[in-house]
Amino acid sequence: MRLAATCVALAVATLLAAQAEADDDSQTPPQPPAAENAVAQTPAAPALPWRHDPEVKRHPGSYLGGALGYAQARAWIPANDSHGDLALGPVNAYGLALRVGDAFTEWFALGFQIQIYSGKSDTAKISAFDLLLDATFYPWRGLGLRPSVGLGFGLGRGDHEWEMGGGGPGCLALGVLYEFRATRLLSIAPVVQVSWIAGEEFDSLFLFVGLELSKWFSTATG
């Protein structure tokens, strides 16, 4: 009888201990894994303006830029009392361009451009100055097409002082460029441009290859 009572008492004690442990577990809230908790508490990186796209787009705003590069020049001077028809060049020259204007949409910009060319060889000297109204169209990504029209004045001289001619005032130009964004508001573009100056006593053709740097002043934020 005593052995049976002892066994019953042990069984009851075991059941009470198991019930107490179950009650303690039900009152303790579940703890998430450490890795999941760390991920949940990590803040998301803020989106950078204009970086939602691999290609940074132009937003409406003004720009100021310039280009410097190599040019090859040719000039044609009609005959006069001192000389016959003259064909000068090709002459190696340098070219400089200054631009200012506005981008009205991400694919169209309009502005003014000043071009200066100067070069010489052993047999000729050719110089020119242009003031142009230029429009730049961006049909695909950074590819730009730039037709220009305006005033152009040039001067060419041959072997002798009297073999010279100058004039204008008409000038037509066509440029092709590809724009890369160095920063959000700074672009670099290789550019190729052909300029033609036409006048009664002087015609000239310039092929320009250079690098263009532009600073954009955008009012957009994203």
C-alpha atoms as a PDB file:
ATOM      1  CA  MET A   1       0.000   0.000   0.000  1.00  0.00           C
ATOM      2  CA  ARG A   2       2.779   2.422   0.840  1.00  0.00           C
ATOM      3  CA  LEU A   3       4.508   1.669  -2.490  1.00  0.00           C
ATOM      4  CA  ALA A   4       1.328   2.353  -4.414  1.00  0.00           C
ATOM      5  CA  ALA A   5       0.782   5.633  -2.585  1.00  0.00           C
ATOM      6  CA  THR A   6       4.331   6.683  -3.295  1.00  0.00           C
ATOM      7  CA  CYS A   7       3.947   5.988  -7.046  1.00  0.00           C
ATOM      8  CA  VAL A   8       0.707   7.976  -7.179  1.00  0.00           C
ATOM      9  CA  ALA A   9       2.335  10.909  -5.408  1.00  0.00           C
ATOM     10  CA  LEU A  10       5.269  10.934  -7.878  1.00  0.00           C
ATOM     11  CA  ALA A  11       2.925  10.840 -10.855  1.00  0.00           C
ATOM     12  CA  VAL A  12       0.879  13.756  -9.532  1.00  0.00           C
ATOM     13  CA  ALA A  13       4.034  15.808  -8.886  1.00  0.00           C
ATOM     14  CA  THR A  14       5.295  15.146 -12.431  1.00  0.00           C
ATOM     15  CA  LEU A  15       1.978  16.265 -13.964  1.00  0.00           C
ATOM     16  CA  LEU A  16       1.940  19.478 -11.896  1.00  0.00           C
ATOM     17  CA  ALA A  17       5.527  20.363 -12.960  1.00  0.00           C
ATOM     18  CA  ALA A  18       4.714  19.817 -16.653  1.00  0.00           C
ATOM     19  CA  GLN A  19       1.593  22.008 -16.353  1.00  0.00           C
ATOM     20  CA  ALA A  20       3.635  24.827 -14.731  1.00  0.00           C
ATOM     21  CA  GLU A  21       6.221  24.814 -17.561  1.00  0.00           C
ATOM     22  CA  ALA A  22       3.441  24.969 -20.172  1.00  0.00           C
ATOM     23  CA  ASP A  23       1.879  27.970 -18.419  1.00  0.00           C
ATOM     24  CA  ASP A  24       5.243  29.817 -18.392  1.00  0.00           C
ATOM     25  CA  ASP A  25       5.797  29.213 -22.146  1.00  0.00           C
ATOM     26  CA  SER A  26       2.317  30.498 -23.028  1.00  0.00           C
ATOM     27  CA  GLN A  27       2.987  33.791 -21.207  1.00  0.00           C
ATOM     28  CA  THR A  28       6.378  34.484 -22.966  1.00  0.00           C
ATOM     29  CA  PRO A  29       5.976  36.302 -26.418  1.00  0.00           C
ATOM     30  CA  PRO A  30       7.733  34.635 -29.368  1.00  0.00           C
ATOM     31  CA  GLN A  31      11.106  36.161 -30.323  1.00  0.00           C
ATOM     32  CA  PRO A  32      11.859  36.657 -34.059  1.00  0.00           C
ATOM     33  CA  PRO A  33      15.158  35.361 -35.456  1.00  0.00           C
ATOM     34  CA  ALA A  34      18.023  37.830 -35.092  1.00  0.00           C
ATOM     35  CA  ALA A  35      18.645  37.992 -38.846  1.00  0.00           C
ATOM     36  CA  GLU A  36      15.006  38.764 -39.698  1.00  0.00           C
ATOM     37  CA  ASN A  37      14.882  41.435 -36.979  1.00  0.00           C
ATOM     38  CA  ALA A  38      18.031  43.130 -38.329  1.00  0.00           C
ATOM     39  CA  VAL A  39      16.632  43.199 -41.861  1.00  0.00           C
ATOM     40  CA  ALA A  40      13.327  44.615 -40.670  1.00  0.00           C
ATOM     41  CA  GLN A  41      15.065  47.460 -38.822  1.00  0.00           C
ATOM     42  CA  THR A  42      17.328  48.451 -41.770  1.00  0.00           C
ATOM     43  CA  PRO A  43      15.936  51.641 -43.406  1.00  0.00           C
ATOM     44  CA  ALA A  44      15.487  51.661 -47.169  1.00  0.00           C
ATOM     45  CA  ALA A  45      18.001  53.757 -49.157  1.00  0.00           C
ATOM     46  CA  PRO A  46      16.449  57.034 -50.387  1.00  0.00           C
ATOM     47  CA  ALA A  47      15.889  57.321 -54.142  1.00  0.00           C
ATOM     48  CA  LEU A  48      18.319  59.702 -55.825  1.00  0.00           C
ATOM     49  CA  PRO A  49      16.748  62.435 -57.966  1.00  0.00           C
ATOM     50  CA  TRP A  50      17.116  61.825 -61.727  1.00  0.00           C
ATOM     51  CA  ARG A  51      18.615  58.370 -61.019  1.00  0.00           C
ATOM     52  CA  HIS A  52      15.444  56.352 -61.573  1.00  0.00           C
ATOM     53  CA  ASP A  53      16.651  55.761 -65.117  1.00  0.00           C
ATOM     54  CA  PRO A  54      20.056  54.597 -66.436  1.00  0.00           C
ATOM     55  CA  GLU A  55      20.099  57.664 -68.693  1.00  0.00           C
ATOM     56  CA  VAL A  56      19.726  60.970 -66.855  1.00  0.00           C
ATOM     57  CA  LYS A  57      17.104  63.011 -68.647  1.00  0.00           C
ATOM     58  CA  ARG A  58      17.142  66.702 -69.444  1.00  0.00           C
ATOM     59  CA  HIS A  59      14.576  68.713 -67.506  1.00  0.00           C
ATOM     60  CA  PRO A  60      13.308  72.169 -68.489  1.00  0.00           C
ATOM     61  CA  GLY A  61      15.931  74.736 -67.566  1.00  0.00           C
ATOM     62  CA  SER A  62      18.776  76.876 -68.873  1.00  0.00           C
ATOM     63  CA  TYR A  63      22.233  75.805 -69.951  1.00  0.00           C
ATOM     64  CA  LEU A  64      25.626  77.429 -70.493  1.00  0.00           C
ATOM     65  CA  GLY A  65      28.354  75.627 -72.388  1.00  0.00           C
ATOM     66  CA  GLY A  66      31.347  75.715 -74.634  1.00  0.00           C
ATOM     67  CA  ALA A  67      33.337  73.525 -76.991  1.00  0.00           C
ATOM     68  CA  LEU A  68      36.957  73.407 -78.053  1.00  0.00           C
ATOM     69  CA  GLY A  69      38.538  71.298 -80.743  1.00  0.00           C
ATOM     70  CA  TYR A  70      40.198  70.802 -84.092  1.00  0.00           C
ATOM     71  CA  ALA A  71      38.863  72.187 -87.363  1.00  0.00           C
ATOM     72  CA  GLN A  72      39.754  71.847 -90.990  1.00  0.00           C
ATOM     73  CA  ALA A  73      39.004  74.883 -93.135  1.00  0.00           C
ATOM     74  CA  ARG A  74      38.619  75.605 -96.840  1.00  0.00           C
ATOM     75  CA  ALA A  75      37.817  78.890 -98.563  1.00  0.00           C
ATOM     76  CA  TRP A  76      36.954  80.029-102.070  1.00  0.00           C
ATOM     77  CA  ILE A  77      37.572  83.576-103.265  1.00  0.00           C
ATOM     78  CA  PRO A  78      36.231  84.691-106.646  1.00  0.00           C
ATOM     79  CA  ALA A  79      38.426  86.420-109.218  1.00  0.00           C
ATOM     80  CA  ASN A  80      38.893  90.185-109.200  1.00  0.00           C
ATOM     81  CA  ASP A  81      41.224  92.714-110.827  1.00  0.00           C
ATOM     82  CA  SER A  82      44.191  91.456-108.798  1.00  0.00           C
ATOM     83  CA  HIS A  83      43.863  87.670-109.064  1.00  0.00           C
ATOM     84  CA  GLY A  84      41.884  84.820-110.521  1.00  0.00           C
ATOM     85  CA  ASP A  85      39.652  82.399-108.667  1.00  0.00           C
ATOM     86  CA  LEU A  86      41.337  81.156-105.500  1.00  0.00           C
ATOM     87  CA  ALA A  87      40.781  77.901-103.624  1.00  0.00           C
ATOM     88  CA  LEU A  88      42.472  77.969-100.230  1.00  0.00           C
ATOM     89  CA  GLY A  89      43.030  74.991 -98.017  1.00  0.00           C
ATOM     90  CA  PRO A  90      42.646  72.579 -96.516  1.00  0.00           C
ATOM     91  CA  VAL A  91      44.041  74.460 -93.509  1.00  0.00           C
ATOM     92  CA  ASN A  92      44.434  73.010 -90.015  1.00  0.00           C
ATOM     93  CA  ALA A  93      42.688  75.301 -87.540  1.00  0.00           C
ATOM     94  CA  TYR A  94      41.303  75.446 -84.041  1.00  0.00           C
ATOM     95  CA  GLY A  95      37.668  76.039 -83.223  1.00  0.00           C
ATOM     96  CA  LEU A  96      35.945  77.549 -80.214  1.00  0.00           C
ATOM     97  CA  ALA A  97      32.210  77.645 -79.532  1.00  0.00           C
ATOM     98  CA  LEU A  98      30.171  79.272 -76.742  1.00  0.00           C
ATOM     99  CA  ARG A  99      26.517  78.353 -76.198  1.00  0.00           C
ATOM    100  CA  VAL A 100      23.627  79.569 -74.042  1.00  0.00           C
ATOM    101  CA  GLY A 101      19.949  78.684 -74.137  1.00  0.00           C
ATOM    102  CA  ASP A 102      17.070  76.713 -72.653  1.00  0.00           C
ATOM    103  CA  ALA A 103      15.881  73.118 -72.714  1.00  0.00           C
ATOM    104  CA  PHE A 104      12.100  73.274 -73.132  1.00  0.00           C
ATOM    105  CA  THR A 105      11.586  69.504 -72.896  1.00  0.00           C
ATOM    106  CA  GLU A 106      13.868  66.525 -72.343  1.00  0.00           C
ATOM    107  CA  TRP A 107      14.256  66.152 -76.125  1.00  0.00           C
ATOM    108  CA  PHE A 108      14.438  69.779 -77.387  1.00  0.00           C
ATOM    109  CA  ALA A 109      16.696  72.761 -76.581  1.00  0.00           C
ATOM    110  CA  LEU A 110      16.993  76.162 -78.253  1.00  0.00           C
ATOM    111  CA  GLY A 111      19.717  78.765 -77.864  1.00  0.00           C
ATOM    112  CA  PHE A 112      22.469  80.904 -79.343  1.00  0.00           C
ATOM    113  CA  GLN A 113      25.959  79.898 -80.366  1.00  0.00           C
ATOM    114  CA  ILE A 114      29.127  81.859 -81.136  1.00  0.00           C
ATOM    115  CA  GLN A 115      31.827  80.146 -83.187  1.00  0.00           C
ATOM    116  CA  ILE A 116      35.389  81.272 -83.822  1.00  0.00           C
ATOM    117  CA  TYR A 117      37.759  79.551 -86.244  1.00  0.00           C
ATOM    118  CA  SER A 118      41.343  80.379 -87.097  1.00  0.00           C
ATOM    119  CA  GLY A 119      44.084  78.487 -88.906  1.00  0.00           C
ATOM    120  CA  LYS A 120      46.925  78.799 -91.347  1.00  0.00           C
ATOM    121  CA  SER A 121      49.311  76.823 -93.516  1.00  0.00           C
ATOM    122  CA  ASP A 122      52.377  77.693 -95.567  1.00  0.00           C
ATOM    123  CA  THR A 123      50.189  79.001 -98.389  1.00  0.00           C
ATOM    124  CA  ALA A 124      46.964  80.271 -96.776  1.00  0.00           C
ATOM    125  CA  LYS A 125      45.267  81.757 -93.724  1.00  0.00           C
ATOM    126  CA  ILE A 126      41.554  81.353 -92.979  1.00  0.00           C
ATOM    127  CA  SER A 127      39.523  82.804 -90.100  1.00  0.00           C
ATOM    128  CA  ALA A 128      35.812  83.062 -89.368  1.00  0.00           C
ATOM    129  CA  PHE A 129      33.306  84.322 -86.802  1.00  0.00           C
ATOM    130  CA  ASP A 130      29.692  83.084 -86.586  1.00  0.00           C
ATOM    131  CA  LEU A 131      26.656  84.085 -84.546  1.00  0.00           C
ATOM    132  CA  LEU A 132      24.017  81.363 -84.792  1.00  0.00           C
ATOM    133  CA  LEU A 133      20.577  80.412 -83.564  1.00  0.00           C
ATOM    134  CA  ASP A 134      20.782  76.688 -82.838  1.00  0.00           C
ATOM    135  CA  ALA A 135      18.186  74.055 -82.031  1.00  0.00           C
ATOM    136  CA  THR A 136      19.177  70.693 -80.564  1.00  0.00           C
ATOM    137  CA  PHE A 137      16.936  67.651 -80.925  1.00  0.00           C
ATOM    138  CA  TYR A 138      17.524  64.496 -78.859  1.00  0.00           C
ATOM    139  CA  PRO A 139      15.759  61.647 -80.712  1.00  0.00           C
ATOM    140  CA  TRP A 140      17.348  58.842 -78.671  1.00  0.00           C
ATOM    141  CA  ARG A 141      19.041  58.922 -75.262  1.00  0.00           C
ATOM    142  CA  GLY A 142      22.045  61.304 -75.434  1.00  0.00           C
ATOM    143  CA  LEU A 143      22.183  61.509 -79.242  1.00  0.00           C
ATOM    144  CA  GLY A 144      21.690  65.096 -80.404  1.00  0.00           C
ATOM    145  CA  LEU A 145      21.128  66.689 -83.826  1.00  0.00           C
ATOM    146  CA  ARG A 146      21.847  70.421 -84.000  1.00  0.00           C
ATOM    147  CA  PRO A 147      20.916  72.509 -87.052  1.00  0.00           C
ATOM    148  CA  SER A 148      21.946  76.185 -86.838  1.00  0.00           C
ATOM    149  CA  VAL A 149      21.429  79.298 -88.920  1.00  0.00           C
ATOM    150  CA  GLY A 150      22.690  82.845 -88.533  1.00  0.00           C
ATOM    151  CA  LEU A 151      25.361  85.362 -89.444  1.00  0.00           C
ATOM    152  CA  GLY A 152      28.873  84.387 -90.452  1.00  0.00           C
ATOM    153  CA  PHE A 153      31.895  86.452 -91.472  1.00  0.00           C
ATOM    154  CA  GLY A 154      35.166  85.081 -92.754  1.00  0.00           C
ATOM    155  CA  LEU A 155      38.536  86.115 -94.100  1.00  0.00           C
ATOM    156  CA  GLY A 156      40.913  84.199 -96.325  1.00  0.00           C
ATOM    157  CA  ARG A 157      44.349  85.101 -97.620  1.00  0.00           C
ATOM    158  CA  GLY A 158      46.633  83.346-100.099  1.00  0.00           C
ATOM    159  CA  ASP A 159      50.336  83.597-100.807  1.00  0.00           C
ATOM    160  CA  HIS A 160      50.256  87.358-101.286  1.00  0.00           C
ATOM    161  CA  GLU A 161      48.603  90.205 -99.431  1.00  0.00           C
ATOM    162  CA  TRP A 162      46.392  91.025-102.404  1.00  0.00           C
ATOM    163  CA  GLU A 163      45.114  87.449-102.689  1.00  0.00           C
ATOM    164  CA  MET A 164      42.392  87.850-100.101  1.00  0.00           C
ATOM    165  CA  GLY A 165      38.669  88.085 -99.677  1.00  0.00           C
ATOM    166  CA  GLY A 166      36.148  88.307 -96.880  1.00  0.00           C
ATOM    167  CA  GLY A 167      32.476  88.558 -96.178  1.00  0.00           C
ATOM    168  CA  GLY A 168      29.278  86.779 -95.330  1.00  0.00           C
ATOM    169  CA  PRO A 169      26.793  87.253 -93.862  1.00  0.00           C
ATOM    170  CA  GLY A 170      24.957  83.967 -94.244  1.00  0.00           C
ATOM    171  CA  CYS A 171      25.965  80.883 -92.253  1.00  0.00           C
ATOM    172  CA  LEU A 172      24.475  77.410 -91.996  1.00  0.00           C
ATOM    173  CA  ALA A 173      25.704  74.683 -89.671  1.00  0.00           C
ATOM    174  CA  LEU A 174      24.775  71.128 -88.775  1.00  0.00           C
ATOM    175  CA  GLY A 175      26.146  69.272 -85.763  1.00  0.00           C
ATOM    176  CA  VAL A 176      25.901  65.753 -84.351  1.00  0.00           C
ATOM    177  CA  LEU A 177      26.753  64.997 -80.720  1.00  0.00           C
ATOM    178  CA  TYR A 178      26.310  62.417 -77.992  1.00  0.00           C
ATOM    179  CA  GLU A 179      25.766  63.708 -74.479  1.00  0.00           C
ATOM    180  CA  PHE A 180      27.047  61.984 -71.359  1.00  0.00           C
ATOM    181  CA  ARG A 181      26.102  63.208 -67.894  1.00  0.00           C
ATOM    182  CA  ALA A 182      29.152  63.591 -65.650  1.00  0.00           C
ATOM    183  CA  THR A 183      26.887  64.735 -62.805  1.00  0.00           C
ATOM    184  CA  ARG A 184      23.213  65.581 -62.461  1.00  0.00           C
ATOM    185  CA  LEU A 185      23.702  69.060 -63.979  1.00  0.00           C
ATOM    186  CA  LEU A 186      26.971  68.720 -65.910  1.00  0.00           C
ATOM    187  CA  SER A 187      27.253  67.080 -69.339  1.00  0.00           C
ATOM    188  CA  ILE A 188      30.140  66.208 -71.649  1.00  0.00           C
ATOM    189  CA  ALA A 189      29.579  65.587 -75.342  1.00  0.00           C
ATOM    190  CA  PRO A 190      31.843  64.774 -78.291  1.00  0.00           C
ATOM    191  CA  VAL A 191      30.572  66.857 -81.208  1.00  0.00           C
ATOM    192  CA  VAL A 192      31.111  66.983 -84.970  1.00  0.00           C
ATOM    193  CA  GLN A 193      29.884  70.063 -86.836  1.00  0.00           C
ATOM    194  CA  VAL A 194      30.021  71.355 -90.395  1.00  0.00           C
ATOM    195  CA  SER A 195      29.678  75.125 -90.955  1.00  0.00           C
ATOM    196  CA  TRP A 196      29.232  76.904 -94.284  1.00  0.00           C
ATOM    197  CA  ILE A 197      29.687  80.660 -94.716  1.00  0.00           C
ATOM    198  CA  ALA A 198      28.376  82.113 -97.969  1.00  0.00           C
ATOM    199  CA  GLY A 199      29.117  85.595 -99.287  1.00  0.00           C
ATOM    200  CA  GLU A 200      29.596  87.520-102.508  1.00  0.00           C
ATOM    201  CA  GLU A 201      33.400  87.616-102.234  1.00  0.00           C
ATOM    202  CA  PHE A 202      34.109  84.756 -99.845  1.00  0.00           C
ATOM    203  CA  ASP A 203      32.814  81.230 -99.274  1.00  0.00           C
ATOM    204  CA  SER A 204      34.218  78.920 -96.626  1.00  0.00           C
ATOM    205  CA  LEU A 205      33.640  75.474 -95.199  1.00  0.00           C
ATOM    206  CA  PHE A 206      34.688  74.338 -91.716  1.00  0.00           C
ATOM    207  CA  LEU A 207      34.670  70.795 -90.336  1.00  0.00           C
ATOM    208  CA  PHE A 208      34.902  70.882 -86.545  1.00  0.00           C
ATOM    209  CA  VAL A 209      35.587  67.947 -84.181  1.00  0.00           C
ATOM    210  CA  GLY A 210      35.703  68.748 -80.492  1.00  0.00           C
ATOM    211  CA  LEU A 211      34.486  68.209 -76.948  1.00  0.00           C
ATOM    212  CA  GLU A 212      31.577  70.172 -75.516  1.00  0.00           C
ATOM    213  CA  LEU A 213      31.015  70.872 -71.811  1.00  0.00           C
ATOM    214  CA  SER A 214      27.629  72.161 -70.614  1.00  0.00           C
ATOM    215  CA  LYS A 215      26.332  73.321 -67.242  1.00  0.00           C
ATOM    216  CA  TRP A 216      22.571  72.890 -66.776  1.00  0.00           C
ATOM    217  CA  PHE A 217      20.487  75.065 -64.471  1.00  0.00           C
ATOM    218  CA  SER A 218      17.372  72.984 -64.001  1.00  0.00           C
ATOM    219  CA  THR A 219      14.356  73.989 -61.943  1.00  0.00           C
ATOM    220  CA  ALA A 220      13.072  70.401 -61.749  1.00  0.00           C
ATOM    221  CA  THR A 221      13.680  68.190 -58.733  1.00  0.00           C
ATOM    222  CA  GLY A 222      12.999  64.710 -60.039  1.00  0.00           C
END
